[in-house]
Amino acid sequence: MEYYLAIDLEATCCDDNTFPRNEMETIEIGAVMVCKRTLLSVDEFQTFVAPVRNPVLTKFCIQLTGISQSQVDEAPGFKNALHNLMNWAQSFPGFTFCSWGDYDRKQIRSDCEFHGLPFPLGERHINLKAEFASIRGLRKKMGVQEALHAVGLKFIGSHHRGIDDARNIASLIPYIYSPEAGG
């Protein structure tokens, strides 16, 4: 059996140029495994991640994500968090890494490079945002909330929380890959 691995990350951020954009670090990994045959979610994974470049979250980041300083202070570092994600994911052979857009793939690569780790998710990546736009014949790509609205679904949970975003992304996969969707 094969799977889609929908991942959404949250990262350190600021609105006052406190640190450069290329120094953002993952602070939450949310992942949902979706069976390619049934297009149903079968399991999920979530962890917070302790940042090292900018270990103190900005007020902007806390307000945007709802992630607290204590949650990242008590979290594993990126290396251990990634190891835990991969241990979980590898119990689903034949998974393909997916995300809404390309940000999450780039952020994981950036974190891996910073920490001297190999990129563990393989070279195949599906940009579900582009796939959704292509299937629906859209010129402009939609955000997750717009896409959910377009198919008659509501966003569930908190926006800018990795696990909630991953769950909502997973709920869009049937609208991309079911025979009725043309995928």
C-alpha atoms as a PDB file:
ATOM      1  CA  MET A   1       0.000   0.000   0.000  1.00  0.00           C
ATOM      2  CA  GLU A   2       1.212   3.512  -0.736  1.00  0.00           C
ATOM      3  CA  TYR A   3       0.614   6.757   1.094  1.00  0.00           C
ATOM      4  CA  TYR A   4       0.669  10.540   0.814  1.00  0.00           C
ATOM      5  CA  LEU A   5       2.580  12.137   3.696  1.00  0.00           C
ATOM      6  CA  ALA A   6       1.079  15.616   4.169  1.00  0.00           C
ATOM      7  CA  ILE A   7       3.451  17.772   6.219  1.00  0.00           C
ATOM      8  CA  ASP A   8       2.977  21.283   7.516  1.00  0.00           C
ATOM      9  CA  LEU A   9       5.608  23.175   9.492  1.00  0.00           C
ATOM     10  CA  GLU A  10       5.556  26.224  11.678  1.00  0.00           C
ATOM     11  CA  ALA A  11       8.762  28.176  12.046  1.00  0.00           C
ATOM     12  CA  THR A  12      10.285  31.001  14.024  1.00  0.00           C
ATOM     13  CA  CYS A  13       9.226  34.328  12.560  1.00  0.00           C
ATOM     14  CA  CYS A  14       9.268  38.035  13.225  1.00  0.00           C
ATOM     15  CA  ASP A  15       7.612  41.149  11.877  1.00  0.00           C
ATOM     16  CA  ASP A  16      10.381  43.591  12.768  1.00  0.00           C
ATOM     17  CA  ASN A  17      13.477  42.182  10.990  1.00  0.00           C
ATOM     18  CA  THR A  18      14.826  40.819  14.290  1.00  0.00           C
ATOM     19  CA  PHE A  19      16.481  38.040  12.277  1.00  0.00           C
ATOM     20  CA  PRO A  20      16.794  37.250   8.548  1.00  0.00           C
ATOM     21  CA  ARG A  21      14.205  35.091   6.817  1.00  0.00           C
ATOM     22  CA  ASN A  22      16.870  32.502   5.940  1.00  0.00           C
ATOM     23  CA  GLU A  23      17.411  31.924   9.680  1.00  0.00           C
ATOM     24  CA  MET A  24      13.858  30.755  10.331  1.00  0.00           C
ATOM     25  CA  GLU A  25      13.752  27.391  12.115  1.00  0.00           C
ATOM     26  CA  THR A  26      11.058  24.767  12.402  1.00  0.00           C
ATOM     27  CA  ILE A  27       9.194  24.920  15.729  1.00  0.00           C
ATOM     28  CA  GLU A  28       6.372  22.480  14.929  1.00  0.00           C
ATOM     29  CA  ILE A  29       6.013  19.508  12.602  1.00  0.00           C
ATOM     30  CA  GLY A  30       2.505  18.340  11.819  1.00  0.00           C
ATOM     31  CA  ALA A  31       2.054  15.322   9.565  1.00  0.00           C
ATOM     32  CA  VAL A  32      -0.887  13.247   8.379  1.00  0.00           C
ATOM     33  CA  MET A  33      -0.563   9.960   6.500  1.00  0.00           C
ATOM     34  CA  VAL A  34      -3.202   9.434   3.806  1.00  0.00           C
ATOM     35  CA  CYS A  35      -3.771   6.072   2.087  1.00  0.00           C
ATOM     36  CA  LYS A  36      -3.439   6.507  -1.701  1.00  0.00           C
ATOM     37  CA  ARG A  37      -6.052   3.827  -2.369  1.00  0.00           C
ATOM     38  CA  THR A  38      -8.818   5.085  -0.053  1.00  0.00           C
ATOM     39  CA  LEU A  39      -7.706   8.745   0.179  1.00  0.00           C
ATOM     40  CA  LEU A  40      -8.461   8.582   3.918  1.00  0.00           C
ATOM     41  CA  SER A  41      -6.203   9.747   6.749  1.00  0.00           C
ATOM     42  CA  VAL A  42      -4.810   6.734   8.586  1.00  0.00           C
ATOM     43  CA  ASP A  43      -2.485   8.265  11.188  1.00  0.00           C
ATOM     44  CA  GLU A  44      -0.882  11.497  12.295  1.00  0.00           C
ATOM     45  CA  PHE A  45       2.260  12.819  13.956  1.00  0.00           C
ATOM     46  CA  GLN A  46       2.952  16.063  15.795  1.00  0.00           C
ATOM     47  CA  THR A  47       5.928  17.457  17.652  1.00  0.00           C
ATOM     48  CA  PHE A  48       7.179  20.840  18.703  1.00  0.00           C
ATOM     49  CA  VAL A  49      10.840  21.581  17.975  1.00  0.00           C
ATOM     50  CA  ALA A  50      13.296  23.610  20.046  1.00  0.00           C
ATOM     51  CA  PRO A  51      14.953  26.305  17.886  1.00  0.00           C
ATOM     52  CA  VAL A  52      18.652  27.095  18.432  1.00  0.00           C
ATOM     53  CA  ARG A  53      19.440  30.195  16.325  1.00  0.00           C
ATOM     54  CA  ASN A  54      16.631  32.239  17.861  1.00  0.00           C
ATOM     55  CA  PRO A  55      15.530  30.203  20.871  1.00  0.00           C
ATOM     56  CA  VAL A  56      13.243  32.918  22.244  1.00  0.00           C
ATOM     57  CA  LEU A  57      10.071  33.174  20.170  1.00  0.00           C
ATOM     58  CA  THR A  58       9.003  36.655  19.141  1.00  0.00           C
ATOM     59  CA  LYS A  59       5.701  38.036  20.395  1.00  0.00           C
ATOM     60  CA  PHE A  60       4.588  38.045  16.729  1.00  0.00           C
ATOM     61  CA  CYS A  61       5.407  34.322  16.345  1.00  0.00           C
ATOM     62  CA  ILE A  62       3.559  33.381  19.542  1.00  0.00           C
ATOM     63  CA  GLN A  63       0.483  35.382  18.469  1.00  0.00           C
ATOM     64  CA  LEU A  64       0.557  33.990  14.902  1.00  0.00           C
ATOM     65  CA  THR A  65       1.003  30.320  15.776  1.00  0.00           C
ATOM     66  CA  GLY A  66      -0.366  30.025  19.288  1.00  0.00           C
ATOM     67  CA  ILE A  67       2.811  28.081  20.143  1.00  0.00           C
ATOM     68  CA  SER A  68       4.177  29.036  23.550  1.00  0.00           C
ATOM     69  CA  GLN A  69       7.757  29.517  24.660  1.00  0.00           C
ATOM     70  CA  SER A  70       7.406  26.654  27.140  1.00  0.00           C
ATOM     71  CA  GLN A  71       6.233  24.286  24.375  1.00  0.00           C
ATOM     72  CA  VAL A  72       9.433  24.834  22.365  1.00  0.00           C
ATOM     73  CA  ASP A  73      11.631  24.961  25.484  1.00  0.00           C
ATOM     74  CA  GLU A  74      10.434  21.464  26.427  1.00  0.00           C
ATOM     75  CA  ALA A  75      10.612  20.111  22.857  1.00  0.00           C
ATOM     76  CA  PRO A  76      13.300  17.956  21.256  1.00  0.00           C
ATOM     77  CA  GLY A  77      15.866  19.576  18.991  1.00  0.00           C
ATOM     78  CA  PHE A  78      15.452  19.385  15.219  1.00  0.00           C
ATOM     79  CA  LYS A  79      17.636  16.272  14.832  1.00  0.00           C
ATOM     80  CA  ASN A  80      15.567  14.258  17.344  1.00  0.00           C
ATOM     81  CA  ALA A  81      12.250  15.643  16.091  1.00  0.00           C
ATOM     82  CA  LEU A  82      13.146  14.685  12.503  1.00  0.00           C
ATOM     83  CA  HIS A  83      14.297  11.250  13.673  1.00  0.00           C
ATOM     84  CA  ASN A  84      10.944  10.747  15.460  1.00  0.00           C
ATOM     85  CA  LEU A  85       9.030  11.878  12.356  1.00  0.00           C
ATOM     86  CA  MET A  86      10.949   9.461  10.139  1.00  0.00           C
ATOM     87  CA  ASN A  87      10.549   6.544  12.574  1.00  0.00           C
ATOM     88  CA  TRP A  88       6.801   7.123  12.485  1.00  0.00           C
ATOM     89  CA  ALA A  89       6.638   7.690   8.696  1.00  0.00           C
ATOM     90  CA  GLN A  90       8.686   4.604   7.832  1.00  0.00           C
ATOM     91  CA  SER A  91       5.995   2.376   9.306  1.00  0.00           C
ATOM     92  CA  PHE A  92       4.037   3.395   6.161  1.00  0.00           C
ATOM     93  CA  PRO A  93       6.121   2.062   3.262  1.00  0.00           C
ATOM     94  CA  GLY A  94       5.919   3.797  -0.069  1.00  0.00           C
ATOM     95  CA  PHE A  95       4.953   7.254   1.194  1.00  0.00           C
ATOM     96  CA  THR A  96       5.318  10.356  -0.965  1.00  0.00           C
ATOM     97  CA  PHE A  97       6.083  13.652   0.787  1.00  0.00           C
ATOM     98  CA  CYS A  98       3.452  16.336   0.070  1.00  0.00           C
ATOM     99  CA  SER A  99       2.854  19.871   1.268  1.00  0.00           C
ATOM    100  CA  TRP A 100       0.694  22.850   0.353  1.00  0.00           C
ATOM    101  CA  GLY A 101       3.197  24.850  -1.674  1.00  0.00           C
ATOM    102  CA  ASP A 102       6.950  24.526  -1.604  1.00  0.00           C
ATOM    103  CA  TYR A 103       7.749  26.314   1.672  1.00  0.00           C
ATOM    104  CA  ASP A 104       7.743  23.204   3.874  1.00  0.00           C
ATOM    105  CA  ARG A 105      10.115  21.253   1.598  1.00  0.00           C
ATOM    106  CA  LYS A 106      12.514  24.198   1.496  1.00  0.00           C
ATOM    107  CA  GLN A 107      12.315  24.738   5.270  1.00  0.00           C
ATOM    108  CA  ILE A 108      13.083  21.091   6.066  1.00  0.00           C
ATOM    109  CA  ARG A 109      16.029  21.202   3.627  1.00  0.00           C
ATOM    110  CA  SER A 110      17.280  24.414   5.241  1.00  0.00           C
ATOM    111  CA  ASP A 111      17.021  22.933   8.741  1.00  0.00           C
ATOM    112  CA  CYS A 112      18.778  19.752   7.590  1.00  0.00           C
ATOM    113  CA  GLU A 113      21.630  21.776   6.059  1.00  0.00           C
ATOM    114  CA  PHE A 114      21.982  23.912   9.202  1.00  0.00           C
ATOM    115  CA  HIS A 115      22.123  20.819  11.431  1.00  0.00           C
ATOM    116  CA  GLY A 116      24.376  18.834   9.053  1.00  0.00           C
ATOM    117  CA  LEU A 117      21.747  16.177   8.372  1.00  0.00           C
ATOM    118  CA  PRO A 118      20.836  14.453   5.114  1.00  0.00           C
ATOM    119  CA  PHE A 119      17.394  15.291   3.726  1.00  0.00           C
ATOM    120  CA  PRO A 120      15.398  12.149   4.643  1.00  0.00           C
ATOM    121  CA  LEU A 121      12.163  12.572   2.667  1.00  0.00           C
ATOM    122  CA  GLY A 122      13.385  11.552  -0.770  1.00  0.00           C
ATOM    123  CA  GLU A 123      13.547  13.585  -3.950  1.00  0.00           C
ATOM    124  CA  ARG A 124       9.883  13.159  -4.842  1.00  0.00           C
ATOM    125  CA  HIS A 125       7.704  15.954  -3.479  1.00  0.00           C
ATOM    126  CA  ILE A 126       4.166  16.831  -4.473  1.00  0.00           C
ATOM    127  CA  ASN A 127       3.160  20.480  -4.288  1.00  0.00           C
ATOM    128  CA  LEU A 128      -0.525  19.967  -3.484  1.00  0.00           C
ATOM    129  CA  LYS A 129      -1.253  23.669  -3.954  1.00  0.00           C
ATOM    130  CA  ALA A 130      -0.104  23.456  -7.588  1.00  0.00           C
ATOM    131  CA  GLU A 131      -1.902  20.114  -8.095  1.00  0.00           C
ATOM    132  CA  PHE A 132      -5.171  21.557  -6.758  1.00  0.00           C
ATOM    133  CA  ALA A 133      -4.893  24.590  -9.060  1.00  0.00           C
ATOM    134  CA  SER A 134      -4.074  22.370 -12.059  1.00  0.00           C
ATOM    135  CA  ILE A 135      -6.960  19.925 -11.463  1.00  0.00           C
ATOM    136  CA  ARG A 136      -9.406  22.818 -11.106  1.00  0.00           C
ATOM    137  CA  GLY A 137      -8.018  24.795 -14.063  1.00  0.00           C
ATOM    138  CA  LEU A 138      -7.072  27.764 -11.893  1.00  0.00           C
ATOM    139  CA  ARG A 139      -4.503  30.336 -12.940  1.00  0.00           C
ATOM    140  CA  LYS A 140      -4.030  31.582  -9.380  1.00  0.00           C
ATOM    141  CA  LYS A 141      -3.098  29.081  -6.677  1.00  0.00           C
ATOM    142  CA  MET A 142      -5.252  29.105  -3.546  1.00  0.00           C
ATOM    143  CA  GLY A 143      -4.310  28.986   0.103  1.00  0.00           C
ATOM    144  CA  VAL A 144      -5.605  26.100   2.211  1.00  0.00           C
ATOM    145  CA  GLN A 145      -8.584  28.060   3.563  1.00  0.00           C
ATOM    146  CA  GLU A 146      -9.613  29.219   0.072  1.00  0.00           C
ATOM    147  CA  ALA A 147      -9.285  25.691  -1.309  1.00  0.00           C
ATOM    148  CA  LEU A 148     -11.373  24.242   1.522  1.00  0.00           C
ATOM    149  CA  HIS A 149     -14.060  26.844   0.874  1.00  0.00           C
ATOM    150  CA  ALA A 150     -13.979  26.058  -2.875  1.00  0.00           C
ATOM    151  CA  VAL A 151     -14.863  22.405  -2.179  1.00  0.00           C
ATOM    152  CA  GLY A 152     -17.431  23.181   0.509  1.00  0.00           C
ATOM    153  CA  LEU A 153     -15.317  22.357   3.572  1.00  0.00           C
ATOM    154  CA  LYS A 154     -14.519  24.482   6.609  1.00  0.00           C
ATOM    155  CA  PHE A 155     -11.089  24.920   8.166  1.00  0.00           C
ATOM    156  CA  ILE A 156     -10.944  22.899  11.382  1.00  0.00           C
ATOM    157  CA  GLY A 157      -8.591  23.913  14.195  1.00  0.00           C
ATOM    158  CA  SER A 158      -6.202  26.841  14.356  1.00  0.00           C
ATOM    159  CA  HIS A 159      -4.555  28.287  11.265  1.00  0.00           C
ATOM    160  CA  HIS A 160      -0.743  28.410  11.569  1.00  0.00           C
ATOM    161  CA  ARG A 161      -0.621  25.304  13.732  1.00  0.00           C
ATOM    162  CA  GLY A 162       1.276  22.525  11.992  1.00  0.00           C
ATOM    163  CA  ILE A 163      -0.951  19.609  12.957  1.00  0.00           C
ATOM    164  CA  ASP A 164      -4.199  21.479  12.219  1.00  0.00           C
ATOM    165  CA  ASP A 165      -2.900  22.725   8.861  1.00  0.00           C
ATOM    166  CA  ALA A 166      -1.705  19.184   8.000  1.00  0.00           C
ATOM    167  CA  ARG A 167      -5.148  17.763   8.846  1.00  0.00           C
ATOM    168  CA  ASN A 168      -6.870  20.331   6.648  1.00  0.00           C
ATOM    169  CA  ILE A 169      -4.400  19.708   3.812  1.00  0.00           C
ATOM    170  CA  ALA A 170      -5.059  15.960   4.118  1.00  0.00           C
ATOM    171  CA  SER A 171      -8.802  16.642   3.832  1.00  0.00           C
ATOM    172  CA  LEU A 172      -8.161  18.251   0.418  1.00  0.00           C
ATOM    173  CA  ILE A 173      -6.272  15.258  -1.027  1.00  0.00           C
ATOM    174  CA  PRO A 174      -9.478  13.454  -2.155  1.00  0.00           C
ATOM    175  CA  TYR A 175     -10.430  16.599  -4.106  1.00  0.00           C
ATOM    176  CA  ILE A 176      -7.134  16.337  -5.989  1.00  0.00           C
ATOM    177  CA  TYR A 177      -6.683  12.608  -6.519  1.00  0.00           C
ATOM    178  CA  SER A 178     -10.128  11.000  -6.601  1.00  0.00           C
ATOM    179  CA  PRO A 179     -11.354   9.869 -10.051  1.00  0.00           C
ATOM    180  CA  GLU A 180     -14.156  12.428  -9.780  1.00  0.00           C
ATOM    181  CA  ALA A 181     -11.577  15.207  -9.336  1.00  0.00           C
ATOM    182  CA  GLY A 182      -9.780  14.094 -12.472  1.00  0.00           C
ATOM    183  CA  GLY A 183      -6.615  13.157 -10.552  1.00  0.00           C
END
